[in-house]
């Protein structure tokens, strides 16, 4: 049985918050996620890019590696994300957490956003089918970014989901990334900037 794992980076001083990264996957697959997984590697590259700004702001980063690549009804990815939040709590205490998810990671994030430490979700090209529930975002912040050239997940469905979330979330916003595709391989700097600035916005100003 594979196990989930976390790849964590810490600032030089004790962190004030944690950015938990959730990678993408497939609708259905029991293939084990390993270091060769393209979805995990894409978020690992983003984690490395975000570390300087995150650490400067006193934020630790933690990248979850799921057990399996597939959503498969959602049970396993959600369990893995709950496990990651429990590990963060065990290792770092009751710090505020922002969930940063790409594709399936964005879907996973909105199911576990009801964890008491979660301040909000930053979703990149998320996979949100029409019936995806929004209730876990009650009182949370939501920042989503999607390219309207995405043929894997739907910009229109993301816009619809954000509009639904506005009714119960503390705030909900969608940013159009332009005519770009799903894998965030074009305008990489813009995706990275959106990710880190949205996380900082959700957390609010640092109190010295």
Protein backbone atom coordinates (compact mmCIF):
# COMPACT_ATOMS: atom_id res chain seq x y z
CA UNK A 1 0.00 0.00 0.00
CA UNK A 2 1.56 3.34 -1.03
CA UNK A 3 1.69 6.18 1.47
CA UNK A 4 1.26 9.92 0.95
CA UNK A 5 4.23 12.15 1.70
CA UNK A 6 5.09 15.80 2.22
CA UNK A 7 8.02 17.82 0.87
CA UNK A 8 8.41 20.80 3.22
CA UNK A 9 10.54 23.92 3.14
CA UNK A 10 10.79 26.21 6.16
CA UNK A 11 11.85 29.85 6.51
CA UNK A 12 14.82 30.66 8.73
CA UNK A 13 12.56 31.79 11.58
CA UNK A 14 9.52 29.89 12.89
CA UNK A 15 6.80 30.16 10.23
CA UNK A 16 3.63 32.18 10.70
CA UNK A 17 1.65 30.15 8.14
CA UNK A 18 1.86 27.24 5.70
CA UNK A 19 1.20 26.98 1.98
CA UNK A 20 0.06 23.43 1.19
CA UNK A 21 0.45 22.51 -2.49
CA UNK A 22 -1.85 19.88 -4.02
CA UNK A 23 -0.92 18.47 -7.42
CA UNK A 24 -3.12 17.34 -10.28
CA UNK A 25 -3.92 13.89 -11.56
CA UNK A 26 -6.42 11.97 -13.66
CA UNK A 27 -10.11 11.23 -13.43
CA UNK A 28 -9.38 7.53 -12.93
CA UNK A 29 -6.04 5.85 -12.26
CA UNK A 30 -4.53 3.54 -9.65
CA UNK A 31 -1.00 4.30 -10.81
CA UNK A 32 1.27 5.24 -7.90
CA UNK A 33 2.53 8.82 -7.80
CA UNK A 34 6.32 8.90 -7.77
CA UNK A 35 9.07 11.38 -8.58
CA UNK A 36 8.50 10.83 -12.30
CA UNK A 37 4.88 11.98 -12.15
CA UNK A 38 4.47 15.04 -14.39
CA UNK A 39 1.72 16.54 -12.23
CA UNK A 40 3.76 16.23 -9.05
CA UNK A 41 6.89 17.56 -10.78
CA UNK A 42 5.00 20.59 -12.09
CA UNK A 43 3.96 21.56 -8.56
CA UNK A 44 7.45 20.78 -7.24
CA UNK A 45 8.82 23.29 -9.76
CA UNK A 46 6.25 25.84 -8.63
CA UNK A 47 7.13 25.20 -4.99
CA UNK A 48 10.78 25.95 -5.71
CA UNK A 49 9.83 29.14 -7.52
CA UNK A 50 7.60 30.33 -4.67
CA UNK A 51 10.00 29.59 -1.82
CA UNK A 52 11.90 32.94 -1.84
CA UNK A 53 8.73 35.06 -1.59
CA UNK A 54 7.05 32.64 0.79
CA UNK A 55 10.00 32.42 3.16
CA UNK A 56 10.50 36.18 3.08
CA UNK A 57 6.90 36.47 4.27
CA UNK A 58 7.42 33.87 6.99
CA UNK A 59 5.50 31.10 5.22
CA UNK A 60 6.54 27.45 5.08
CA UNK A 61 5.65 25.46 1.97
CA UNK A 62 4.60 21.83 1.91
CA UNK A 63 3.93 19.76 -1.23
CA UNK A 64 1.71 16.71 -0.85
CA UNK A 65 2.44 13.63 -2.94
CA UNK A 66 -0.77 11.62 -3.27
CA UNK A 67 -0.78 7.85 -3.16
CA UNK A 68 -2.48 7.41 -6.53
CA UNK A 69 -2.83 9.60 -9.61
CA UNK A 70 -6.59 9.21 -9.95
CA UNK A 71 -9.50 11.09 -8.43
CA UNK A 72 -11.38 7.76 -8.43
CA UNK A 73 -14.45 9.20 -6.77
CA UNK A 74 -12.45 11.52 -4.52
CA UNK A 75 -12.10 9.39 -1.38
CA UNK A 76 -8.35 8.79 -1.54
CA UNK A 77 -7.23 12.31 -2.59
CA UNK A 78 -9.39 13.84 0.12
CA UNK A 79 -8.02 11.38 2.70
CA UNK A 80 -4.47 12.27 1.64
CA UNK A 81 -5.14 15.99 1.97
CA UNK A 82 -6.72 15.51 5.41
CA UNK A 83 -3.64 13.51 6.40
CA UNK A 84 -1.38 16.34 5.19
CA UNK A 85 -3.27 18.92 7.22
CA UNK A 86 -3.03 16.70 10.30
CA UNK A 87 0.73 16.31 9.74
CA UNK A 88 1.17 20.08 9.45
CA UNK A 89 -0.76 20.50 12.71
CA UNK A 90 1.34 17.83 14.41
CA UNK A 91 4.68 19.23 13.23
CA UNK A 92 4.06 22.99 13.25
CA UNK A 93 1.05 23.57 15.46
CA UNK A 94 -2.13 25.52 14.80
CA UNK A 95 -0.81 27.71 11.99
CA UNK A 96 -3.07 29.18 9.32
CA UNK A 97 -2.94 27.26 6.03
CA UNK A 98 -3.58 28.25 2.43
CA UNK A 99 -4.33 25.42 0.00
CA UNK A 100 -2.75 25.85 -3.44
CA UNK A 101 -4.11 23.31 -5.91
CA UNK A 102 -3.66 22.71 -9.63
CA UNK A 103 -6.34 20.85 -11.61
CA UNK A 104 -7.38 17.85 -9.46
CA UNK A 105 -5.54 19.58 -6.61
CA UNK A 106 -8.01 22.46 -6.87
CA UNK A 107 -10.85 19.98 -6.63
CA UNK A 108 -9.31 18.31 -3.61
CA UNK A 109 -8.72 21.66 -1.95
CA UNK A 110 -12.37 22.73 -1.97
CA UNK A 111 -13.33 19.50 -0.20
CA UNK A 112 -10.91 20.00 2.71
CA UNK A 113 -11.17 23.78 3.03
CA UNK A 114 -13.42 23.27 6.05
CA UNK A 115 -10.41 22.27 8.16
CA UNK A 116 -10.23 24.82 10.99
CA UNK A 117 -6.70 25.91 10.06
CA UNK A 118 -7.50 26.64 6.42
CA UNK A 119 -7.89 30.32 5.56
CA UNK A 120 -8.61 29.80 1.90
CA UNK A 121 -7.95 28.16 -1.45
CA UNK A 122 -5.85 29.28 -4.40
CA UNK A 123 -6.87 27.18 -7.41
CA UNK A 124 -4.96 27.03 -10.70
CA UNK A 125 -6.82 25.69 -13.76
CA UNK A 126 -9.06 23.77 -11.36
CA UNK A 127 -11.23 20.79 -12.21
CA UNK A 128 -14.66 21.72 -10.88
CA UNK A 129 -17.52 19.78 -12.47
CA UNK A 130 -20.97 21.43 -12.47
CA UNK A 131 -22.16 19.63 -9.32
CA UNK A 132 -19.00 20.20 -7.26
CA UNK A 133 -20.00 21.25 -3.70
CA UNK A 134 -19.03 24.67 -2.36
CA UNK A 135 -20.07 24.24 1.28
CA UNK A 136 -16.53 23.64 2.59
CA UNK A 137 -15.65 27.18 1.47
CA UNK A 138 -18.05 28.75 3.96
CA UNK A 139 -16.24 31.70 5.52
CA UNK A 140 -13.07 31.00 3.52
CA UNK A 141 -11.35 32.95 0.75
CA UNK A 142 -11.21 31.62 -2.81
CA UNK A 143 -8.82 32.80 -5.53
CA UNK A 144 -8.98 30.99 -8.87
CA UNK A 145 -7.03 31.45 -12.10
CA UNK A 146 -7.84 29.80 -15.40
CA UNK A 147 -6.80 30.20 -19.02
CA UNK A 148 -9.62 30.26 -21.56
CA UNK A 149 -7.45 28.20 -23.92
CA UNK A 150 -7.65 25.25 -21.49
CA UNK A 151 -9.07 22.13 -23.19
CA UNK A 152 -8.53 19.81 -20.22
CA UNK A 153 -10.59 21.63 -17.60
CA UNK A 154 -13.15 24.33 -18.24
CA UNK A 155 -12.76 28.06 -17.71
CA UNK A 156 -16.54 28.40 -17.93
CA UNK A 157 -17.11 25.80 -15.22
CA UNK A 158 -14.57 27.57 -13.01
CA UNK A 159 -16.43 30.87 -13.50
CA UNK A 160 -19.70 29.18 -12.59
CA UNK A 161 -18.18 27.59 -9.49
CA UNK A 162 -16.69 30.89 -8.30
CA UNK A 163 -20.07 32.57 -8.73
CA UNK A 164 -21.70 29.86 -6.60
CA UNK A 165 -18.97 30.14 -3.96
CA UNK A 166 -19.48 33.91 -3.68
CA UNK A 167 -22.72 33.25 -1.79
CA UNK A 168 -21.01 31.58 1.16
CA UNK A 169 -17.29 32.40 0.97
CA UNK A 170 -15.65 35.33 2.70
CA UNK A 171 -14.47 36.33 -0.77
CA UNK A 172 -14.27 34.65 -4.19
CA UNK A 173 -12.44 35.90 -7.27
CA UNK A 174 -11.53 34.57 -10.71
CA UNK A 175 -8.56 35.77 -12.78
CA UNK A 176 -8.46 35.17 -16.54
CA UNK A 177 -4.94 34.07 -17.47
CA UNK A 178 -5.57 34.61 -21.18
CA UNK A 179 -5.43 32.13 -24.09
CA UNK A 180 -3.23 29.59 -22.29
CA UNK A 181 -3.63 25.89 -21.70
CA UNK A 182 -3.94 23.62 -18.73
CA UNK A 183 -0.43 22.70 -17.71
CA UNK A 184 0.86 26.20 -16.88
CA UNK A 185 3.81 25.80 -19.25
CA UNK A 186 3.20 29.18 -20.90
CA UNK A 187 3.54 32.41 -18.93
CA UNK A 188 5.07 30.46 -16.05
CA UNK A 189 6.09 33.61 -14.22
CA UNK A 190 2.51 34.92 -14.34
CA UNK A 191 1.16 31.69 -12.84
CA UNK A 192 3.80 31.76 -10.10
CA UNK A 193 3.10 35.41 -9.34
CA UNK A 194 -0.63 34.79 -9.13
CA UNK A 195 -0.07 31.82 -6.81
CA UNK A 196 2.15 33.54 -4.27
CA UNK A 197 0.40 36.91 -4.31
CA UNK A 198 -3.00 35.26 -3.90
CA UNK A 199 -1.72 33.23 -0.96
CA UNK A 200 -0.35 36.36 0.68
CA UNK A 201 -3.66 38.14 0.04
CA UNK A 202 -5.63 35.32 1.67
CA UNK A 203 -3.36 35.35 4.73
CA UNK A 204 -3.45 39.11 5.14
CA UNK A 205 -0.64 41.40 6.24
CA UNK A 206 2.10 40.14 8.48
CA UNK A 207 1.90 41.36 12.05
CA UNK A 208 5.33 42.02 13.54
